[in-house]
């Protein structure tokens, strides 16, 4: 009989340690924190750890504390459209995106 209790204890102990290993902390961000729009079409993480959000009103980069917004402008390197539909980070550190 004692062997059954030891196995149960070990199973619970291993299960508890595995559960603790996979804990995830969630932090929500919204327009209040600086997103340019509440309608998020795409989310990606780049090689440097930045979170990118393809929004209905541009592209937002989040570093864990602040948000930088990129919108179409006069530069040939700026976004061509306000609506960013998909994001594709590359291994080389570039970010490809699909706009309207």
PDB file of N, CA and C in Angstrom:
ATOM      1  N   UNK A   1       0.796  -1.207   0.000  1.00  0.00           N
ATOM      2  CA  UNK A   1       0.000   0.000   0.000  1.00  0.00           C
ATOM      3  C   UNK A   1       0.841   1.275   0.000  1.00  0.00           C
ATOM      4  N   UNK A   2       1.900   1.375   0.804  1.00  0.00           N
ATOM      5  CA  UNK A   2       2.667   2.605   0.824  1.00  0.00           C
ATOM      6  C   UNK A   2       3.266   2.947  -0.540  1.00  0.00           C
ATOM      7  N   UNK A   3       3.594   1.938  -1.364  1.00  0.00           N
ATOM      8  CA  UNK A   3       4.167   2.197  -2.680  1.00  0.00           C
ATOM      9  C   UNK A   3       3.227   3.003  -3.566  1.00  0.00           C
ATOM     10  N   UNK A   4       1.929   2.761  -3.456  1.00  0.00           N
ATOM     11  CA  UNK A   4       0.948   3.498  -4.250  1.00  0.00           C
ATOM     12  C   UNK A   4       0.961   4.977  -3.882  1.00  0.00           C
ATOM     13  N   UNK A   5       1.088   5.269  -2.613  1.00  0.00           N
ATOM     14  CA  UNK A   5       1.082   6.652  -2.164  1.00  0.00           C
ATOM     15  C   UNK A   5       2.353   7.391  -2.615  1.00  0.00           C
ATOM     16  N   UNK A   6       3.478   6.666  -2.620  1.00  0.00           N
ATOM     17  CA  UNK A   6       4.722   7.282  -3.072  1.00  0.00           C
ATOM     18  C   UNK A   6       4.629   7.618  -4.549  1.00  0.00           C
ATOM     19  N   UNK A   7       4.079   6.710  -5.369  1.00  0.00           N
ATOM     20  CA  UNK A   7       3.922   6.971  -6.791  1.00  0.00           C
ATOM     21  C   UNK A   7       2.985   8.143  -7.038  1.00  0.00           C
ATOM     22  N   UNK A   8       1.889   8.205  -6.281  1.00  0.00           N
ATOM     23  CA  UNK A   8       0.947   9.302  -6.417  1.00  0.00           C
ATOM     24  C   UNK A   8       1.614  10.623  -6.037  1.00  0.00           C
ATOM     25  N   UNK A   9       2.378  10.614  -4.955  1.00  0.00           N
ATOM     26  CA  UNK A   9       3.076  11.814  -4.515  1.00  0.00           C
ATOM     27  C   UNK A   9       4.070  12.276  -5.584  1.00  0.00           C
ATOM     28  N   UNK A  10       4.859  11.347  -6.140  1.00  0.00           N
ATOM     29  CA  UNK A  10       5.825  11.703  -7.180  1.00  0.00           C
ATOM     30  C   UNK A  10       5.121  12.241  -8.421  1.00  0.00           C
ATOM     31  N   UNK A  11       4.005  11.624  -8.794  1.00  0.00           N
ATOM     32  CA  UNK A  11       3.242  12.086  -9.947  1.00  0.00           C
ATOM     33  C   UNK A  11       2.748  13.514  -9.720  1.00  0.00           C
ATOM     34  N   UNK A  12       2.210  13.788  -8.535  1.00  0.00           N
ATOM     35  CA  UNK A  12       1.734  15.129  -8.226  1.00  0.00           C
ATOM     36  C   UNK A  12       2.892  16.116  -8.170  1.00  0.00           C
ATOM     37  N   UNK A  13       4.025  15.708  -7.623  1.00  0.00           N
ATOM     38  CA  UNK A  13       5.186  16.577  -7.523  1.00  0.00           C
ATOM     39  C   UNK A  13       5.718  16.927  -8.916  1.00  0.00           C
ATOM     40  N   UNK A  14       5.856  15.937  -9.789  1.00  0.00           N
ATOM     41  CA  UNK A  14       6.331  16.178 -11.153  1.00  0.00           C
ATOM     42  C   UNK A  14       5.318  17.030 -11.907  1.00  0.00           C
ATOM     43  N   UNK A  15       4.035  16.706 -11.773  1.00  0.00           N
ATOM     44  CA  UNK A  15       3.000  17.491 -12.437  1.00  0.00           C
ATOM     45  C   UNK A  15       3.022  18.936 -11.985  1.00  0.00           C
ATOM     46  N   UNK A  16       3.231  19.164 -10.710  1.00  0.00           N
ATOM     47  CA  UNK A  16       3.275  20.538 -10.186  1.00  0.00           C
ATOM     48  C   UNK A  16       4.489  21.280 -10.727  1.00  0.00           C
ATOM     49  N   UNK A  17       5.649  20.628 -10.780  1.00  0.00           N
ATOM     50  CA  UNK A  17       6.847  21.315 -11.262  1.00  0.00           C
ATOM     51  C   UNK A  17       6.736  21.607 -12.754  1.00  0.00           C
ATOM     52  N   UNK A  18       6.129  20.717 -13.534  1.00  0.00           N
ATOM     53  CA  UNK A  18       5.931  20.983 -14.957  1.00  0.00           C
ATOM     54  C   UNK A  18       4.965  22.145 -15.160  1.00  0.00           C
ATOM     55  N   UNK A  19       3.933  22.177 -14.349  1.00  0.00           N
ATOM     56  CA  UNK A  19       2.967  23.263 -14.454  1.00  0.00           C
ATOM     57  C   UNK A  19       3.630  24.603 -14.149  1.00  0.00           C
ATOM     58  N   UNK A  20       4.481  24.653 -13.147  1.00  0.00           N
ATOM     59  CA  UNK A  20       5.167  25.891 -12.780  1.00  0.00           C
ATOM     60  C   UNK A  20       6.122  26.333 -13.887  1.00  0.00           C
ATOM     61  N   UNK A  21       6.716  25.361 -14.602  1.00  0.00           N
ATOM     62  CA  UNK A  21       7.669  25.694 -15.652  1.00  0.00           C
ATOM     63  C   UNK A  21       6.998  26.398 -16.825  1.00  0.00           C
ATOM     64  N   UNK A  22       5.742  26.117 -17.080  1.00  0.00           N
ATOM     65  CA  UNK A  22       5.051  26.665 -18.236  1.00  0.00           C
ATOM     66  C   UNK A  22       4.116  27.822 -17.896  1.00  0.00           C
ATOM     67  N   UNK A  23       4.319  28.449 -16.780  1.00  0.00           N
ATOM     68  CA  UNK A  23       3.501  29.610 -16.432  1.00  0.00           C
ATOM     69  C   UNK A  23       3.816  30.755 -17.375  1.00  0.00           C
ATOM     70  N   UNK A  24       2.793  31.453 -17.769  1.00  0.00           N
ATOM     71  CA  UNK A  24       2.956  32.581 -18.677  1.00  0.00           C
ATOM     72  C   UNK A  24       2.282  33.794 -18.072  1.00  0.00           C
ATOM     73  N   UNK A  25       2.985  34.900 -18.097  1.00  0.00           N
ATOM     74  CA  UNK A  25       2.406  36.152 -17.646  1.00  0.00           C
ATOM     75  C   UNK A  25       1.859  36.892 -18.850  1.00  0.00           C
ATOM     76  N   UNK A  26       0.637  37.356 -18.755  1.00  0.00           N
ATOM     77  CA  UNK A  26       0.014  38.088 -19.837  1.00  0.00           C
ATOM     78  C   UNK A  26      -0.069  39.559 -19.472  1.00  0.00           C
ATOM     79  N   UNK A  27       0.176  40.371 -20.458  1.00  0.00           N
ATOM     80  CA  UNK A  27       0.062  41.811 -20.299  1.00  0.00           C
ATOM     81  C   UNK A  27      -0.724  42.311 -21.492  1.00  0.00           C
ATOM     82  N   UNK A  28      -1.859  42.910 -21.259  1.00  0.00           N
ATOM     83  CA  UNK A  28      -2.661  43.393 -22.381  1.00  0.00           C
ATOM     84  C   UNK A  28      -2.355  44.859 -22.656  1.00  0.00           C
ATOM     85  N   UNK A  29      -2.375  45.196 -23.932  1.00  0.00           N
ATOM     86  CA  UNK A  29      -2.206  46.586 -24.328  1.00  0.00           C
ATOM     87  C   UNK A  29      -3.364  46.956 -25.242  1.00  0.00           C
ATOM     88  N   UNK A  30      -3.701  48.216 -25.241  1.00  0.00           N
ATOM     89  CA  UNK A  30      -4.838  48.696 -26.022  1.00  0.00           C
ATOM     90  C   UNK A  30      -4.550  50.118 -26.487  1.00  0.00           C
ATOM     91  N   UNK A  31      -5.559  50.781 -26.944  1.00  0.00           N
ATOM     92  CA  UNK A  31      -5.393  52.180 -27.364  1.00  0.00           C
ATOM     93  C   UNK A  31      -4.959  53.054 -26.186  1.00  0.00           C
ATOM     94  N   UNK A  32      -5.374  52.678 -25.008  1.00  0.00           N
ATOM     95  CA  UNK A  32      -4.994  53.433 -23.804  1.00  0.00           C
ATOM     96  C   UNK A  32      -3.477  53.454 -23.620  1.00  0.00           C
ATOM     97  N   UNK A  33      -2.801  52.343 -23.990  1.00  0.00           N
ATOM     98  CA  UNK A  33      -1.342  52.275 -23.881  1.00  0.00           C
ATOM     99  C   UNK A  33      -0.640  52.814 -25.125  1.00  0.00           C
ATOM    100  N   UNK A  34      -1.405  53.135 -26.180  1.00  0.00           N
ATOM    101  CA  UNK A  34      -0.788  53.755 -27.344  1.00  0.00           C
ATOM    102  C   UNK A  34      -0.983  53.069 -28.679  1.00  0.00           C
ATOM    103  N   UNK A  35      -1.713  51.943 -28.730  1.00  0.00           N
ATOM    104  CA  UNK A  35      -1.980  51.338 -30.038  1.00  0.00           C
ATOM    105  C   UNK A  35      -2.733  52.339 -30.896  1.00  0.00           C
ATOM    106  N   UNK A  36      -2.401  52.392 -32.178  1.00  0.00           N
ATOM    107  CA  UNK A  36      -3.025  53.380 -33.060  1.00  0.00           C
ATOM    108  C   UNK A  36      -4.462  53.018 -33.415  1.00  0.00           C
ATOM    109  N   UNK A  37      -4.870  51.778 -33.142  1.00  0.00           N
ATOM    110  CA  UNK A  37      -6.242  51.342 -33.387  1.00  0.00           C
ATOM    111  C   UNK A  37      -6.468  50.075 -32.593  1.00  0.00           C
ATOM    112  N   UNK A  38      -7.713  49.793 -32.271  1.00  0.00           N
ATOM    113  CA  UNK A  38      -8.035  48.585 -31.520  1.00  0.00           C
ATOM    114  C   UNK A  38      -8.194  47.350 -32.375  1.00  0.00           C
ATOM    115  N   UNK A  39      -8.254  47.514 -33.704  1.00  0.00           N
ATOM    116  CA  UNK A  39      -8.418  46.375 -34.611  1.00  0.00           C
ATOM    117  C   UNK A  39      -7.042  45.889 -35.064  1.00  0.00           C
ATOM    118  N   UNK A  40      -6.564  44.820 -34.445  1.00  0.00           N
ATOM    119  CA  UNK A  40      -5.249  44.269 -34.762  1.00  0.00           C
ATOM    120  C   UNK A  40      -5.419  43.139 -35.770  1.00  0.00           C
ATOM    121  N   UNK A  41      -4.744  43.261 -36.915  1.00  0.00           N
ATOM    122  CA  UNK A  41      -4.812  42.242 -37.960  1.00  0.00           C
ATOM    123  C   UNK A  41      -3.722  41.192 -37.840  1.00  0.00           C
ATOM    124  N   UNK A  42      -2.539  41.590 -37.357  1.00  0.00           N
ATOM    125  CA  UNK A  42      -1.401  40.672 -37.316  1.00  0.00           C
ATOM    126  C   UNK A  42      -0.498  41.019 -36.145  1.00  0.00           C
ATOM    127  N   UNK A  43       0.144  39.984 -35.593  1.00  0.00           N
ATOM    128  CA  UNK A  43       1.093  40.154 -34.502  1.00  0.00           C
ATOM    129  C   UNK A  43       2.333  39.329 -34.834  1.00  0.00           C
ATOM    130  N   UNK A  44       3.513  39.908 -34.638  1.00  0.00           N
ATOM    131  CA  UNK A  44       4.765  39.188 -34.867  1.00  0.00           C
ATOM    132  C   UNK A  44       5.808  39.677 -33.878  1.00  0.00           C
ATOM    133  N   UNK A  45       6.786  38.823 -33.616  1.00  0.00           N
ATOM    134  CA  UNK A  45       7.920  39.189 -32.756  1.00  0.00           C
ATOM    135  C   UNK A  45       9.182  39.085 -33.595  1.00  0.00           C
ATOM    136  N   UNK A  46      10.010  40.111 -33.537  1.00  0.00           N
ATOM    137  CA  UNK A  46      11.225  40.097 -34.348  1.00  0.00           C
ATOM    138  C   UNK A  46      12.406  39.513 -33.570  1.00  0.00           C
ATOM    139  N   UNK A  47      13.560  39.437 -34.216  1.00  0.00           N
ATOM    140  CA  UNK A  47      14.746  38.831 -33.632  1.00  0.00           C
ATOM    141  C   UNK A  47      15.264  39.596 -32.417  1.00  0.00           C
ATOM    142  N   UNK A  48      14.949  40.886 -32.316  1.00  0.00           N
ATOM    143  CA  UNK A  48      15.390  41.688 -31.178  1.00  0.00           C
ATOM    144  C   UNK A  48      14.407  41.658 -30.014  1.00  0.00           C
ATOM    145  N   UNK A  49      13.274  40.998 -30.192  1.00  0.00           N
ATOM    146  CA  UNK A  49      12.290  40.878 -29.126  1.00  0.00           C
ATOM    147  C   UNK A  49      11.157  41.881 -29.180  1.00  0.00           C
ATOM    148  N   UNK A  50      11.167  42.780 -30.156  1.00  0.00           N
ATOM    149  CA  UNK A  50      10.070  43.735 -30.291  1.00  0.00           C
ATOM    150  C   UNK A  50       8.810  43.004 -30.749  1.00  0.00           C
ATOM    151  N   UNK A  51       7.673  43.433 -30.229  1.00  0.00           N
ATOM    152  CA  UNK A  51       6.377  42.936 -30.704  1.00  0.00           C
ATOM    153  C   UNK A  51       5.846  43.936 -31.724  1.00  0.00           C
ATOM    154  N   UNK A  52       5.399  43.432 -32.859  1.00  0.00           N
ATOM    155  CA  UNK A  52       4.872  44.266 -33.935  1.00  0.00           C
ATOM    156  C   UNK A  52       3.402  43.951 -34.118  1.00  0.00           C
ATOM    157  N   UNK A  53       2.600  44.996 -34.321  1.00  0.00           N
ATOM    158  CA  UNK A  53       1.164  44.847 -34.499  1.00  0.00           C
ATOM    159  C   UNK A  53       0.757  45.522 -35.798  1.00  0.00           C
ATOM    160  N   UNK A  54       0.205  44.727 -36.702  1.00  0.00           N
ATOM    161  CA  UNK A  54      -0.362  45.275 -37.929  1.00  0.00           C
ATOM    162  C   UNK A  54      -1.775  45.732 -37.614  1.00  0.00           C
ATOM    163  N   UNK A  55      -2.017  47.007 -37.740  1.00  0.00           N
ATOM    164  CA  UNK A  55      -3.258  47.626 -37.277  1.00  0.00           C
ATOM    165  C   UNK A  55      -4.008  48.199 -38.471  1.00  0.00           C
ATOM    166  N   UNK A  56      -5.260  48.536 -38.273  1.00  0.00           N
ATOM    167  CA  UNK A  56      -6.048  49.205 -39.306  1.00  0.00           C
ATOM    168  C   UNK A  56      -5.594  50.643 -39.506  1.00  0.00           C
ATOM    169  N   UNK A  57      -4.707  51.111 -38.631  1.00  0.00           N
ATOM    170  CA  UNK A  57      -4.206  52.472 -38.770  1.00  0.00           C
ATOM    171  C   UNK A  57      -2.691  52.483 -38.622  1.00  0.00           C
ATOM    172  N   UNK A  58      -1.985  51.668 -39.409  1.00  0.00           N
ATOM    173  CA  UNK A  58      -0.533  51.682 -39.404  1.00  0.00           C
ATOM    174  C   UNK A  58       0.094  50.443 -38.812  1.00  0.00           C
ATOM    175  N   UNK A  59       1.327  50.612 -38.403  1.00  0.00           N
ATOM    176  CA  UNK A  59       2.135  49.545 -37.829  1.00  0.00           C
ATOM    177  C   UNK A  59       2.623  50.028 -36.475  1.00  0.00           C
ATOM    178  N   UNK A  60       2.465  49.199 -35.440  1.00  0.00           N
ATOM    179  CA  UNK A  60       2.896  49.567 -34.092  1.00  0.00           C
ATOM    180  C   UNK A  60       3.997  48.624 -33.634  1.00  0.00           C
ATOM    181  N   UNK A  61       5.057  49.207 -33.024  1.00  0.00           N
ATOM    182  CA  UNK A  61       6.148  48.423 -32.443  1.00  0.00           C
ATOM    183  C   UNK A  61       6.124  48.629 -30.932  1.00  0.00           C
ATOM    184  N   UNK A  62       6.127  47.519 -30.203  1.00  0.00           N
ATOM    185  CA  UNK A  62       6.039  47.559 -28.747  1.00  0.00           C
ATOM    186  C   UNK A  62       7.301  46.946 -28.154  1.00  0.00           C
ATOM    187  N   UNK A  63       7.957  47.679 -27.255  1.00  0.00           N
ATOM    188  CA  UNK A  63       9.203  47.201 -26.641  1.00  0.00           C
ATOM    189  C   UNK A  63       9.019  46.698 -25.211  1.00  0.00           C
ATOM    190  N   UNK A  64       7.794  46.586 -24.783  1.00  0.00           N
ATOM    191  CA  UNK A  64       7.517  46.141 -23.417  1.00  0.00           C
ATOM    192  C   UNK A  64       7.076  47.272 -22.518  1.00  0.00           C
ATOM    193  N   UNK A  65       7.341  48.519 -22.945  1.00  0.00           N
ATOM    194  CA  UNK A  65       6.904  49.653 -22.134  1.00  0.00           C
ATOM    195  C   UNK A  65       6.307  50.790 -22.961  1.00  0.00           C
ATOM    196  N   UNK A  66       6.714  50.925 -24.212  1.00  0.00           N
ATOM    197  CA  UNK A  66       6.164  52.013 -25.033  1.00  0.00           C
ATOM    198  C   UNK A  66       5.887  51.518 -26.454  1.00  0.00           C
ATOM    199  N   UNK A  67       5.040  52.273 -27.137  1.00  0.00           N
ATOM    200  CA  UNK A  67       4.623  51.915 -28.488  1.00  0.00           C
ATOM    201  C   UNK A  67       5.043  53.019 -29.449  1.00  0.00           C
ATOM    202  N   UNK A  68       5.639  52.615 -30.581  1.00  0.00           N
ATOM    203  CA  UNK A  68       5.994  53.530 -31.659  1.00  0.00           C
ATOM    204  C   UNK A  68       5.079  53.196 -32.833  1.00  0.00           C
ATOM    205  N   UNK A  69       4.470  54.220 -33.419  1.00  0.00           N
ATOM    206  CA  UNK A  69       3.539  54.023 -34.534  1.00  0.00           C
ATOM    207  C   UNK A  69       4.170  54.465 -35.841  1.00  0.00           C
ATOM    208  N   UNK A  70       4.041  53.624 -36.854  1.00  0.00           N
ATOM    209  CA  UNK A  70       4.513  53.939 -38.200  1.00  0.00           C
ATOM    210  C   UNK A  70       3.299  54.040 -39.108  1.00  0.00           C
ATOM    211  N   UNK A  71       3.184  55.149 -39.836  1.00  0.00           N
ATOM    212  CA  UNK A  71       2.071  55.361 -40.755  1.00  0.00           C
ATOM    213  C   UNK A  71       2.627  55.819 -42.103  1.00  0.00           C
ATOM    214  N   UNK A  72       1.814  55.790 -43.159  1.00  0.00           N
ATOM    215  CA  UNK A  72       2.310  56.249 -44.466  1.00  0.00           C
ATOM    216  C   UNK A  72       2.791  57.691 -44.387  1.00  0.00           C
ATOM    217  N   UNK A  73       3.861  57.958 -45.116  1.00  0.00           N
ATOM    218  CA  UNK A  73       4.425  59.305 -45.120  1.00  0.00           C
ATOM    219  C   UNK A  73       5.031  59.608 -46.475  1.00  0.00           C
ATOM    220  N   UNK A  74       5.838  60.647 -46.543  1.00  0.00           N
ATOM    221  CA  UNK A  74       6.426  61.083 -47.796  1.00  0.00           C
ATOM    222  C   UNK A  74       7.636  60.285 -48.230  1.00  0.00           C
ATOM    223  N   UNK A  75       8.201  59.464 -47.361  1.00  0.00           N
ATOM    224  CA  UNK A  75       9.407  58.710 -47.682  1.00  0.00           C
ATOM    225  C   UNK A  75       9.079  57.463 -48.506  1.00  0.00           C
ATOM    226  N   UNK A  76       9.939  57.089 -49.444  1.00  0.00           N
ATOM    227  CA  UNK A  76       9.701  55.843 -50.180  1.00  0.00           C
ATOM    228  C   UNK A  76       9.866  54.608 -49.298  1.00  0.00           C
ATOM    229  N   UNK A  77      10.432  54.770 -48.098  1.00  0.00           N
ATOM    230  CA  UNK A  77      10.612  53.658 -47.177  1.00  0.00           C
ATOM    231  C   UNK A  77       9.493  53.564 -46.145  1.00  0.00           C
ATOM    232  N   UNK A  78       8.513  54.445 -46.225  1.00  0.00           N
ATOM    233  CA  UNK A  78       7.400  54.400 -45.268  1.00  0.00           C
ATOM    234  C   UNK A  78       6.332  53.436 -45.771  1.00  0.00           C
ATOM    235  N   UNK A  79       5.332  53.208 -44.944  1.00  0.00           N
ATOM    236  CA  UNK A  79       4.216  52.339 -45.345  1.00  0.00           C
ATOM    237  C   UNK A  79       3.503  52.931 -46.552  1.00  0.00           C
ATOM    238  N   UNK A  80       2.969  52.058 -47.389  1.00  0.00           N
ATOM    239  CA  UNK A  80       2.243  52.520 -48.568  1.00  0.00           C
ATOM    240  C   UNK A  80       0.750  52.645 -48.310  1.00  0.00           C
ATOM    241  N   UNK A  81       0.288  52.069 -47.194  1.00  0.00           N
ATOM    242  CA  UNK A  81      -1.128  52.095 -46.882  1.00  0.00           C
ATOM    243  C   UNK A  81      -1.302  52.032 -45.372  1.00  0.00           C
ATOM    244  N   UNK A  82      -2.383  52.585 -44.865  1.00  0.00           N
ATOM    245  CA  UNK A  82      -2.649  52.577 -43.424  1.00  0.00           C
ATOM    246  C   UNK A  82      -2.987  51.188 -42.885  1.00  0.00           C
ATOM    247  N   UNK A  83      -3.522  50.309 -43.716  1.00  0.00           N
ATOM    248  CA  UNK A  83      -3.981  49.000 -43.244  1.00  0.00           C
ATOM    249  C   UNK A  83      -2.874  47.965 -43.433  1.00  0.00           C
ATOM    250  N   UNK A  84      -2.359  47.444 -42.310  1.00  0.00           N
ATOM    251  CA  UNK A  84      -1.351  46.388 -42.339  1.00  0.00           C
ATOM    252  C   UNK A  84      -2.060  45.078 -42.026  1.00  0.00           C
ATOM    253  N   UNK A  85      -2.071  44.175 -43.001  1.00  0.00           N
ATOM    254  CA  UNK A  85      -2.842  42.927 -42.875  1.00  0.00           C
ATOM    255  C   UNK A  85      -2.047  41.751 -42.318  1.00  0.00           C
ATOM    256  N   UNK A  86      -0.786  41.605 -42.720  1.00  0.00           N
ATOM    257  CA  UNK A  86       0.022  40.463 -42.286  1.00  0.00           C
ATOM    258  C   UNK A  86       1.456  40.902 -42.040  1.00  0.00           C
ATOM    259  N   UNK A  87       2.133  40.205 -41.120  1.00  0.00           N
ATOM    260  CA  UNK A  87       3.527  40.488 -40.779  1.00  0.00           C
ATOM    261  C   UNK A  87       4.334  39.202 -40.868  1.00  0.00           C
ATOM    262  N   UNK A  88       5.544  39.310 -41.429  1.00  0.00           N
ATOM    263  CA  UNK A  88       6.414  38.153 -41.593  1.00  0.00           C
ATOM    264  C   UNK A  88       7.842  38.516 -41.178  1.00  0.00           C
ATOM    265  N   UNK A  89       8.237  38.197 -39.948  1.00  0.00           N
ATOM    266  CA  UNK A  89       9.627  38.463 -39.553  1.00  0.00           C
ATOM    267  C   UNK A  89      10.552  37.450 -40.218  1.00  0.00           C
ATOM    268  N   UNK A  90      11.754  37.895 -40.576  1.00  0.00           N
ATOM    269  CA  UNK A  90      12.739  37.004 -41.182  1.00  0.00           C
ATOM    270  C   UNK A  90      13.848  36.698 -40.188  1.00  0.00           C
ATOM    271  N   UNK A  91      14.624  35.685 -40.475  1.00  0.00           N
ATOM    272  CA  UNK A  91      15.748  35.319 -39.608  1.00  0.00           C
ATOM    273  C   UNK A  91      16.851  36.374 -39.638  1.00  0.00           C
ATOM    274  N   UNK A  92      16.911  37.159 -40.708  1.00  0.00           N
ATOM    275  CA  UNK A  92      17.950  38.181 -40.832  1.00  0.00           C
ATOM    276  C   UNK A  92      17.598  39.470 -40.090  1.00  0.00           C
ATOM    277  N   UNK A  93      16.402  39.541 -39.507  1.00  0.00           N
ATOM    278  CA  UNK A  93      16.008  40.725 -38.750  1.00  0.00           C
ATOM    279  C   UNK A  93      15.083  41.673 -39.498  1.00  0.00           C
ATOM    280  N   UNK A  94      14.776  41.369 -40.742  1.00  0.00           N
ATOM    281  CA  UNK A  94      13.840  42.196 -41.505  1.00  0.00           C
ATOM    282  C   UNK A  94      12.400  41.840 -41.152  1.00  0.00           C
ATOM    283  N   UNK A  95      11.495  42.728 -41.507  1.00  0.00           N
ATOM    284  CA  UNK A  95      10.075  42.468 -41.308  1.00  0.00           C
ATOM    285  C   UNK A  95       9.361  42.734 -42.633  1.00  0.00           C
ATOM    286  N   UNK A  96       8.755  41.705 -43.179  1.00  0.00           N
ATOM    287  CA  UNK A  96       7.932  41.866 -44.364  1.00  0.00           C
ATOM    288  C   UNK A  96       6.503  42.067 -43.914  1.00  0.00           C
ATOM    289  N   UNK A  97       5.757  42.872 -44.658  1.00  0.00           N
ATOM    290  CA  UNK A  97       4.357  43.084 -44.300  1.00  0.00           C
ATOM    291  C   UNK A  97       3.500  43.202 -45.549  1.00  0.00           C
ATOM    292  N   UNK A  98       2.254  42.838 -45.383  1.00  0.00           N
ATOM    293  CA  UNK A  98       1.268  42.939 -46.452  1.00  0.00           C
ATOM    294  C   UNK A  98       0.307  44.056 -46.076  1.00  0.00           C
ATOM    295  N   UNK A  99       0.176  45.043 -46.967  1.00  0.00           N
ATOM    296  CA  UNK A  99      -0.760  46.140 -46.734  1.00  0.00           C
ATOM    297  C   UNK A  99      -1.833  46.100 -47.813  1.00  0.00           C
ATOM    298  N   UNK A 100      -2.844  46.940 -47.673  1.00  0.00           N
ATOM    299  CA  UNK A 100      -3.880  47.042 -48.711  1.00  0.00           C
ATOM    300  C   UNK A 100      -3.292  47.648 -49.959  1.00  0.00           C
TER     301      UNK A 100
END
